């Protein structure tokens, strides 16, 4: 499908909207009617790519369910292609929502990061234990049925 297929609701000064509309160049490795997958210009590892919806949504909390599903499907599709061509040892999928979570481009996107046994990436947090009572209390707060 053409590059500008569903680039409705483009937001001025949004770099990903400009890419989706064809106004800004990018190394596009996959696209369909709903999504574009492009190479990250600041890759964490060899093959690091970004999946974006053609339609502007600021983040995970604002993206429509259909666009979210299309992005997840595109992420899996490109991961499978990377599996065949780049032969990574694993993958990370990353989405950042809001500045506190390190979101820097406010157009929903999923990072597809091929991982290699010898790559320099480390977890961005140090896992720590928690009391089961605390975990249960937080779970009860989050649950919809309570």
Protein backbone atom coordinates (compact mmCIF):
# COMPACT_ATOMS: atom_id res chain seq x y z
CA UNK A 1 0.00 0.00 0.00
CA UNK A 2 1.21 3.54 -0.65
CA UNK A 3 3.16 5.48 1.92
CA UNK A 4 0.37 7.90 2.80
CA UNK A 5 -2.45 5.35 2.98
CA UNK A 6 -4.03 6.33 6.31
CA UNK A 7 -1.96 9.35 7.33
CA UNK A 8 -5.08 11.16 8.53
CA UNK A 9 -4.96 13.36 11.62
CA UNK A 10 -1.31 14.26 10.93
CA UNK A 11 0.13 16.55 13.58
CA UNK A 12 2.37 19.46 12.54
CA UNK A 13 5.98 19.09 13.71
CA UNK A 14 5.53 15.35 14.36
CA UNK A 15 8.48 13.59 12.76
CA UNK A 16 6.61 10.29 12.46
CA UNK A 17 3.60 11.97 10.82
CA UNK A 18 6.04 13.54 8.33
CA UNK A 19 7.50 10.10 7.60
CA UNK A 20 4.03 8.56 7.26
CA UNK A 21 2.99 11.26 4.77
CA UNK A 22 6.19 10.88 2.75
CA UNK A 23 7.40 14.39 3.61
CA UNK A 24 10.48 13.15 5.47
CA UNK A 25 12.83 10.40 4.31
CA UNK A 26 13.36 7.25 6.34
CA UNK A 27 14.77 3.77 5.82
CA UNK A 28 11.43 1.99 5.61
CA UNK A 29 11.71 -1.80 5.85
CA UNK A 30 8.02 -2.70 5.94
CA UNK A 31 4.68 -0.98 5.47
CA UNK A 32 1.03 -1.76 5.08
CA UNK A 33 -2.21 0.19 5.09
CA UNK A 34 -1.99 0.89 8.83
CA UNK A 35 1.69 0.83 9.81
CA UNK A 36 5.21 1.72 8.76
CA UNK A 37 8.35 0.06 10.09
CA UNK A 38 11.53 2.08 9.80
CA UNK A 39 15.10 1.80 10.98
CA UNK A 40 15.89 3.73 14.17
CA UNK A 41 18.44 6.49 13.46
CA UNK A 42 19.97 5.96 16.92
CA UNK A 43 20.02 2.16 17.07
CA UNK A 44 20.55 0.35 20.34
CA UNK A 45 21.69 -2.74 18.41
CA UNK A 46 22.12 -3.85 14.80
CA UNK A 47 18.67 -3.90 13.19
CA UNK A 48 16.83 -1.75 15.78
CA UNK A 49 13.56 -0.71 14.11
CA UNK A 50 10.45 1.30 14.99
CA UNK A 51 6.87 0.38 14.17
CA UNK A 52 4.56 3.38 13.89
CA UNK A 53 0.87 3.69 13.07
CA UNK A 54 0.15 5.84 10.03
CA UNK A 55 -2.59 7.61 12.03
CA UNK A 56 -1.26 9.90 14.76
CA UNK A 57 -1.78 8.80 18.35
CA UNK A 58 0.34 10.28 21.09
CA UNK A 59 0.95 7.16 23.16
CA UNK A 60 -0.29 3.78 24.41
CA UNK A 61 -3.19 5.37 26.26
CA UNK A 62 -4.51 7.25 23.24
CA UNK A 63 -3.97 4.81 20.35
CA UNK A 64 -7.08 3.10 19.02
CA UNK A 65 -7.39 -0.62 19.58
CA UNK A 66 -7.27 -1.44 15.86
CA UNK A 67 -4.09 0.59 15.32
CA UNK A 68 -2.53 -1.03 18.39
CA UNK A 69 -3.29 -4.50 17.03
CA UNK A 70 -1.87 -3.56 13.62
CA UNK A 71 1.31 -2.25 15.27
CA UNK A 72 1.74 -5.43 17.33
CA UNK A 73 1.22 -7.55 14.22
CA UNK A 74 3.78 -5.47 12.30
CA UNK A 75 6.26 -5.80 15.18
CA UNK A 76 5.96 -9.58 15.07
CA UNK A 77 6.23 -9.56 11.27
CA UNK A 78 9.48 -7.56 11.32
CA UNK A 79 10.88 -9.64 14.20
CA UNK A 80 10.31 -12.79 12.14
CA UNK A 81 12.06 -11.18 9.17
CA UNK A 82 14.97 -10.14 11.41
CA UNK A 83 15.11 -13.67 12.81
CA UNK A 84 15.73 -14.97 9.28
CA UNK A 85 18.09 -12.24 8.09
CA UNK A 86 20.02 -10.94 11.11
CA UNK A 87 19.92 -14.11 13.24
CA UNK A 88 19.68 -12.39 16.64
CA UNK A 89 19.63 -14.35 19.87
CA UNK A 90 16.43 -12.69 21.08
CA UNK A 91 14.28 -9.54 20.95
CA UNK A 92 13.03 -6.74 23.14
CA UNK A 93 9.86 -4.85 22.32
CA UNK A 94 9.71 -1.48 24.01
CA UNK A 95 7.10 1.24 24.20
CA UNK A 96 7.54 4.37 26.28
CA UNK A 97 4.43 6.30 27.31
CA UNK A 98 4.99 9.85 28.54
CA UNK A 99 8.21 11.67 29.38
CA UNK A 100 8.64 9.95 32.76
CA UNK A 101 8.99 6.68 30.84
CA UNK A 102 11.54 8.21 28.40
CA UNK A 103 9.11 8.91 25.55
CA UNK A 104 10.80 11.52 23.34
CA UNK A 105 8.68 11.36 20.18
CA UNK A 106 5.02 11.80 21.05
CA UNK A 107 3.62 9.57 18.30
CA UNK A 108 2.98 6.00 19.44
CA UNK A 109 5.74 3.62 18.40
CA UNK A 110 7.14 0.22 19.29
CA UNK A 111 10.87 -0.36 19.32
CA UNK A 112 11.80 -3.78 17.92
CA UNK A 113 15.31 -4.38 19.22
CA UNK A 114 17.17 -7.49 18.09
CA UNK A 115 19.33 -8.79 20.92
CA UNK A 116 22.68 -10.51 20.60
CA UNK A 117 24.56 -12.42 23.29
CA UNK A 118 27.46 -9.95 23.08
CA UNK A 119 25.50 -6.69 22.75
CA UNK A 120 26.10 -3.95 25.34
CA UNK A 121 22.48 -3.44 26.44
CA UNK A 122 21.51 -4.01 30.05
CA UNK A 123 18.18 -3.87 31.85
CA UNK A 124 17.29 -0.25 32.63
CA UNK A 125 16.31 -1.23 36.16
CA UNK A 126 17.61 -3.52 38.82
CA UNK A 127 14.95 -6.06 39.80
CA UNK A 128 14.22 -5.95 43.51
CA UNK A 129 12.12 -8.18 45.65
CA UNK A 130 8.84 -7.04 47.14
CA UNK A 131 6.64 -8.31 49.93
CA UNK A 132 3.75 -10.45 48.68
CA UNK A 133 1.31 -8.42 50.83
CA UNK A 134 2.43 -5.25 49.05
CA UNK A 135 2.06 -6.93 45.63
CA UNK A 136 -1.42 -8.18 46.57
CA UNK A 137 -2.50 -4.71 47.76
CA UNK A 138 -1.33 -3.08 44.53
CA UNK A 139 -3.03 -5.81 42.48
CA UNK A 140 -6.29 -5.20 44.37
CA UNK A 141 -6.04 -1.48 43.59
CA UNK A 142 -5.53 -2.16 39.88
CA UNK A 143 -8.20 -4.86 39.48
CA UNK A 144 -11.34 -3.75 37.72
CA UNK A 145 -13.72 -5.97 39.70
CA UNK A 146 -12.95 -4.69 43.18
